[in-house]
Every structure is written in structure tokens, then in C-alpha cells.
Amino acid sequence: MSSAWLLPEHFADVLPSQARCIEELRRELLDMARTYGCELVVPPLVEHLDSLL
């Protein structure tokens, strides 16, 4: 029996110092992509199963 408090496989908590580094890198990459004319899109977090089959 698995604990309800465990995260699903391939998910992990990111603590503040590492989260800050990740966010700074993400920001730099997004800013660089923007200089090349790339646009930001936000895909949906969930999909209907039928659309994936």
C-alpha cells in the first residue's frame, strides 16, 4: 500500500535555492528566445483522453 503523501513517480519538490536558480535560467532562456522572435504560448495542463488517442 502506498502512502498518500508520496509524490507520483518523476515528480519532486524543489527547494527555494534550487528553485531560484531554475527560475533565473528559465527567464534567461525565455528572454533569449524572444530576441529571436519567438512567442510565448501556454499549452493546457490537461487534455481529454479522446484527443490523445
PDB file of N, CA and C in Angstrom:
ATOM      1  N   MET A   1       0.851  -1.190   0.000  1.00  0.00           N
ATOM      2  CA  MET A   1       0.000   0.000   0.000  1.00  0.00           C
ATOM      3  C   MET A   1       0.894   1.250   0.000  1.00  0.00           C
ATOM      4  N   SER A   2       0.663   2.173  -0.915  1.00  0.00           N
ATOM      5  CA  SER A   2       1.491   3.374  -0.990  1.00  0.00           C
ATOM      6  C   SER A   2       0.902   4.475  -0.119  1.00  0.00           C
ATOM      7  N   SER A   3       1.769   5.349   0.337  1.00  0.00           N
ATOM      8  CA  SER A   3       1.347   6.468   1.171  1.00  0.00           C
ATOM      9  C   SER A   3       0.756   7.574   0.298  1.00  0.00           C
ATOM     10  N   ALA A   4      -0.305   8.187   0.773  1.00  0.00           N
ATOM     11  CA  ALA A   4      -0.935   9.294   0.047  1.00  0.00           C
ATOM     12  C   ALA A   4      -0.036  10.534   0.039  1.00  0.00           C
ATOM     13  N   TRP A   5       1.008  10.562   0.894  1.00  0.00           N
ATOM     14  CA  TRP A   5       1.878  11.719   0.996  1.00  0.00           C
ATOM     15  C   TRP A   5       3.035  11.676   0.021  1.00  0.00           C
ATOM     16  N   LEU A   6       3.239  10.551  -0.656  1.00  0.00           N
ATOM     17  CA  LEU A   6       4.328  10.441  -1.609  1.00  0.00           C
ATOM     18  C   LEU A   6       3.938  11.078  -2.935  1.00  0.00           C
ATOM     19  N   LEU A   7       4.889  11.712  -3.582  1.00  0.00           N
ATOM     20  CA  LEU A   7       4.645  12.293  -4.897  1.00  0.00           C
ATOM     21  C   LEU A   7       4.656  11.190  -5.950  1.00  0.00           C
ATOM     22  N   PRO A   8       3.929  11.379  -7.033  1.00  0.00           N
ATOM     23  CA  PRO A   8       3.970  10.402  -8.128  1.00  0.00           C
ATOM     24  C   PRO A   8       5.385  10.288  -8.687  1.00  0.00           C
ATOM     25  N   GLU A   9       5.650   9.202  -9.356  1.00  0.00           N
ATOM     26  CA  GLU A   9       6.957   8.983  -9.967  1.00  0.00           C
ATOM     27  C   GLU A   9       7.290  10.134 -10.921  1.00  0.00           C
ATOM     28  N   HIS A  10       8.532  10.558 -10.945  1.00  0.00           N
ATOM     29  CA  HIS A  10       9.071  11.640 -11.794  1.00  0.00           C
ATOM     30  C   HIS A  10       8.641  13.031 -11.333  1.00  0.00           C
ATOM     31  N   PHE A  11       8.084  13.161 -10.133  1.00  0.00           N
ATOM     32  CA  PHE A  11       7.767  14.459  -9.554  1.00  0.00           C
ATOM     33  C   PHE A  11       8.651  14.640  -8.321  1.00  0.00           C
ATOM     34  N   ALA A  12       9.070  15.861  -8.065  1.00  0.00           N
ATOM     35  CA  ALA A  12       9.917  16.119  -6.903  1.00  0.00           C
ATOM     36  C   ALA A  12       9.691  17.540  -6.411  1.00  0.00           C
ATOM     37  N   ASP A  13       9.895  17.729  -5.126  1.00  0.00           N
ATOM     38  CA  ASP A  13       9.881  19.072  -4.563  1.00  0.00           C
ATOM     39  C   ASP A  13      11.167  19.773  -4.966  1.00  0.00           C
ATOM     40  N   VAL A  14      11.079  21.069  -5.199  1.00  0.00           N
ATOM     41  CA  VAL A  14      12.268  21.870  -5.479  1.00  0.00           C
ATOM     42  C   VAL A  14      12.328  22.933  -4.388  1.00  0.00           C
ATOM     43  N   LEU A  15      13.407  22.907  -3.634  1.00  0.00           N
ATOM     44  CA  LEU A  15      13.565  23.832  -2.514  1.00  0.00           C
ATOM     45  C   LEU A  15      13.974  25.217  -3.011  1.00  0.00           C
ATOM     46  N   PRO A  16      13.798  26.259  -2.168  1.00  0.00           N
ATOM     47  CA  PRO A  16      13.972  27.641  -2.623  1.00  0.00           C
ATOM     48  C   PRO A  16      15.274  27.960  -3.349  1.00  0.00           C
ATOM     49  N   SER A  17      16.413  27.532  -2.850  1.00  0.00           N
ATOM     50  CA  SER A  17      17.668  27.910  -3.516  1.00  0.00           C
ATOM     51  C   SER A  17      17.760  27.315  -4.918  1.00  0.00           C
ATOM     52  N   GLN A  18      17.343  26.064  -5.076  1.00  0.00           N
ATOM     53  CA  GLN A  18      17.368  25.438  -6.406  1.00  0.00           C
ATOM     54  C   GLN A  18      16.265  26.025  -7.286  1.00  0.00           C
ATOM     55  N   ALA A  19      15.110  26.310  -6.699  1.00  0.00           N
ATOM     56  CA  ALA A  19      14.010  26.899  -7.464  1.00  0.00           C
ATOM     57  C   ALA A  19      14.416  28.257  -8.026  1.00  0.00           C
ATOM     58  N   ARG A  20      15.163  29.031  -7.242  1.00  0.00           N
ATOM     59  CA  ARG A  20      15.630  30.345  -7.701  1.00  0.00           C
ATOM     60  C   ARG A  20      16.563  30.192  -8.898  1.00  0.00           C
ATOM     61  N   CYS A  21      17.483  29.247  -8.831  1.00  0.00           N
ATOM     62  CA  CYS A  21      18.404  29.007  -9.950  1.00  0.00           C
ATOM     63  C   CYS A  21      17.647  28.568 -11.196  1.00  0.00           C
ATOM     64  N   ILE A  22      16.703  27.673 -11.027  1.00  0.00           N
ATOM     65  CA  ILE A  22      15.896  27.189 -12.159  1.00  0.00           C
ATOM     66  C   ILE A  22      15.122  28.346 -12.777  1.00  0.00           C
ATOM     67  N   GLU A  23      14.517  29.174 -11.941  1.00  0.00           N
ATOM     68  CA  GLU A  23      13.718  30.299 -12.447  1.00  0.00           C
ATOM     69  C   GLU A  23      14.582  31.319 -13.171  1.00  0.00           C
ATOM     70  N   GLU A  24      15.787  31.594 -12.649  1.00  0.00           N
ATOM     71  CA  GLU A  24      16.687  32.544 -13.319  1.00  0.00           C
ATOM     72  C   GLU A  24      17.105  32.022 -14.688  1.00  0.00           C
ATOM     73  N   LEU A  25      17.412  30.749 -14.791  1.00  0.00           N
ATOM     74  CA  LEU A  25      17.778  30.148 -16.068  1.00  0.00           C
ATOM     75  C   LEU A  25      16.593  30.164 -17.035  1.00  0.00           C
ATOM     76  N   ARG A  26      15.405  29.827 -16.530  1.00  0.00           N
ATOM     77  CA  ARG A  26      14.192  29.843 -17.368  1.00  0.00           C
ATOM     78  C   ARG A  26      13.963  31.241 -17.929  1.00  0.00           C
ATOM     79  N   ARG A  27      14.129  32.255 -17.080  1.00  0.00           N
ATOM     80  CA  ARG A  27      13.926  33.641 -17.506  1.00  0.00           C
ATOM     81  C   ARG A  27      14.924  34.034 -18.581  1.00  0.00           C
ATOM     82  N   GLU A  28      16.204  33.662 -18.402  1.00  0.00           N
ATOM     83  CA  GLU A  28      17.234  33.969 -19.398  1.00  0.00           C
ATOM     84  C   GLU A  28      16.915  33.308 -20.736  1.00  0.00           C
ATOM     85  N   LEU A  29      16.491  32.045 -20.703  1.00  0.00           N
ATOM     86  CA  LEU A  29      16.170  31.339 -21.942  1.00  0.00           C
ATOM     87  C   LEU A  29      14.960  31.950 -22.644  1.00  0.00           C
ATOM     88  N   LEU A  30      13.938  32.323 -21.874  1.00  0.00           N
ATOM     89  CA  LEU A  30      12.767  32.960 -22.481  1.00  0.00           C
ATOM     90  C   LEU A  30      13.122  34.316 -23.092  1.00  0.00           C
ATOM     91  N   ASP A  31      13.933  35.085 -22.395  1.00  0.00           N
ATOM     92  CA  ASP A  31      14.344  36.391 -22.924  1.00  0.00           C
ATOM     93  C   ASP A  31      15.171  36.237 -24.199  1.00  0.00           C
ATOM     94  N   MET A  32      16.062  35.232 -24.228  1.00  0.00           N
ATOM     95  CA  MET A  32      16.870  34.990 -25.425  1.00  0.00           C
ATOM     96  C   MET A  32      15.983  34.565 -26.600  1.00  0.00           C
ATOM     97  N   ALA A  33      15.047  33.674 -26.342  1.00  0.00           N
ATOM     98  CA  ALA A  33      14.140  33.222 -27.398  1.00  0.00           C
ATOM     99  C   ALA A  33      13.331  34.392 -27.948  1.00  0.00           C
ATOM    100  N   ARG A  34      12.945  35.304 -27.081  1.00  0.00           N
ATOM    101  CA  ARG A  34      12.170  36.465 -27.515  1.00  0.00           C
ATOM    102  C   ARG A  34      12.969  37.344 -28.469  1.00  0.00           C
ATOM    103  N   THR A  35      14.295  37.451 -28.246  1.00  0.00           N
ATOM    104  CA  THR A  35      15.124  38.269 -29.140  1.00  0.00           C
ATOM    105  C   THR A  35      15.175  37.672 -30.549  1.00  0.00           C
ATOM    106  N   TYR A  36      14.892  36.379 -30.673  1.00  0.00           N
ATOM    107  CA  TYR A  36      14.853  35.716 -31.987  1.00  0.00           C
ATOM    108  C   TYR A  36      13.444  35.713 -32.582  1.00  0.00           C
ATOM    109  N   GLY A  37      12.507  36.387 -31.920  1.00  0.00           N
ATOM    110  CA  GLY A  37      11.159  36.500 -32.454  1.00  0.00           C
ATOM    111  C   GLY A  37      10.205  35.421 -31.994  1.00  0.00           C
ATOM    112  N   CYS A  38      10.637  34.577 -31.083  1.00  0.00           N
ATOM    113  CA  CYS A  38       9.744  33.522 -30.573  1.00  0.00           C
ATOM    114  C   CYS A  38       8.682  34.130 -29.668  1.00  0.00           C
ATOM    115  N   GLU A  39       7.507  33.545 -29.687  1.00  0.00           N
ATOM    116  CA  GLU A  39       6.399  33.991 -28.850  1.00  0.00           C
ATOM    117  C   GLU A  39       6.116  32.961 -27.779  1.00  0.00           C
ATOM    118  N   LEU A  40       5.619  33.403 -26.652  1.00  0.00           N
ATOM    119  CA  LEU A  40       5.287  32.525 -25.530  1.00  0.00           C
ATOM    120  C   LEU A  40       3.885  31.958 -25.714  1.00  0.00           C
ATOM    121  N   VAL A  41       3.751  30.669 -25.530  1.00  0.00           N
ATOM    122  CA  VAL A  41       2.436  30.020 -25.521  1.00  0.00           C
ATOM    123  C   VAL A  41       2.330  29.199 -24.240  1.00  0.00           C
ATOM    124  N   VAL A  42       1.107  29.027 -23.767  1.00  0.00           N
ATOM    125  CA  VAL A  42       0.858  28.222 -22.579  1.00  0.00           C
ATOM    126  C   VAL A  42      -0.109  27.108 -22.975  1.00  0.00           C
ATOM    127  N   PRO A  43       0.404  25.896 -23.146  1.00  0.00           N
ATOM    128  CA  PRO A  43      -0.483  24.788 -23.515  1.00  0.00           C
ATOM    129  C   PRO A  43      -1.345  24.373 -22.323  1.00  0.00           C
ATOM    130  N   PRO A  44      -2.440  23.698 -22.570  1.00  0.00           N
ATOM    131  CA  PRO A  44      -3.292  23.263 -21.464  1.00  0.00           C
ATOM    132  C   PRO A  44      -2.568  22.256 -20.575  1.00  0.00           C
ATOM    133  N   LEU A  45      -2.898  22.266 -19.299  1.00  0.00           N
ATOM    134  CA  LEU A  45      -2.288  21.328 -18.364  1.00  0.00           C
ATOM    135  C   LEU A  45      -2.914  19.938 -18.455  1.00  0.00           C
ATOM    136  N   VAL A  46      -4.134  19.875 -18.951  1.00  0.00           N
ATOM    137  CA  VAL A  46      -4.828  18.596 -19.083  1.00  0.00           C
ATOM    138  C   VAL A  46      -5.450  18.503 -20.470  1.00  0.00           C
ATOM    139  N   GLU A  47      -5.663  17.301 -20.927  1.00  0.00           N
ATOM    140  CA  GLU A  47      -6.284  17.058 -22.224  1.00  0.00           C
ATOM    141  C   GLU A  47      -7.366  15.993 -22.039  1.00  0.00           C
ATOM    142  N   HIS A  48      -8.386  16.027 -22.884  1.00  0.00           N
ATOM    143  CA  HIS A  48      -9.344  14.933 -22.916  1.00  0.00           C
ATOM    144  C   HIS A  48      -8.626  13.717 -23.473  1.00  0.00           C
ATOM    145  N   LEU A  49      -8.838  12.580 -22.878  1.00  0.00           N
ATOM    146  CA  LEU A  49      -8.162  11.360 -23.306  1.00  0.00           C
ATOM    147  C   LEU A  49      -8.432  11.067 -24.786  1.00  0.00           C
ATOM    148  N   ASP A  50      -9.652  11.332 -25.261  1.00  0.00           N
ATOM    149  CA  ASP A  50     -10.011  11.055 -26.654  1.00  0.00           C
ATOM    150  C   ASP A  50      -9.124  11.821 -27.629  1.00  0.00           C
ATOM    151  N   SER A  51      -8.715  13.040 -27.268  1.00  0.00           N
ATOM    152  CA  SER A  51      -7.896  13.830 -28.198  1.00  0.00           C
ATOM    153  C   SER A  51      -6.463  13.309 -28.269  1.00  0.00           C
ATOM    154  N   LEU A  52      -6.055  12.504 -27.313  1.00  0.00           N
ATOM    155  CA  LEU A  52      -4.694  11.961 -27.298  1.00  0.00           C
ATOM    156  C   LEU A  52      -4.612  10.604 -27.975  1.00  0.00           C
ATOM    157  N   LEU A  53      -5.754   9.959 -28.173  1.00  0.00           N
ATOM    158  CA  LEU A  53      -5.743   8.614 -28.781  1.00  0.00           C
ATOM    159  C   LEU A  53      -5.759   8.659 -30.287  1.00  0.00           C
TER     160      LEU A  53
END
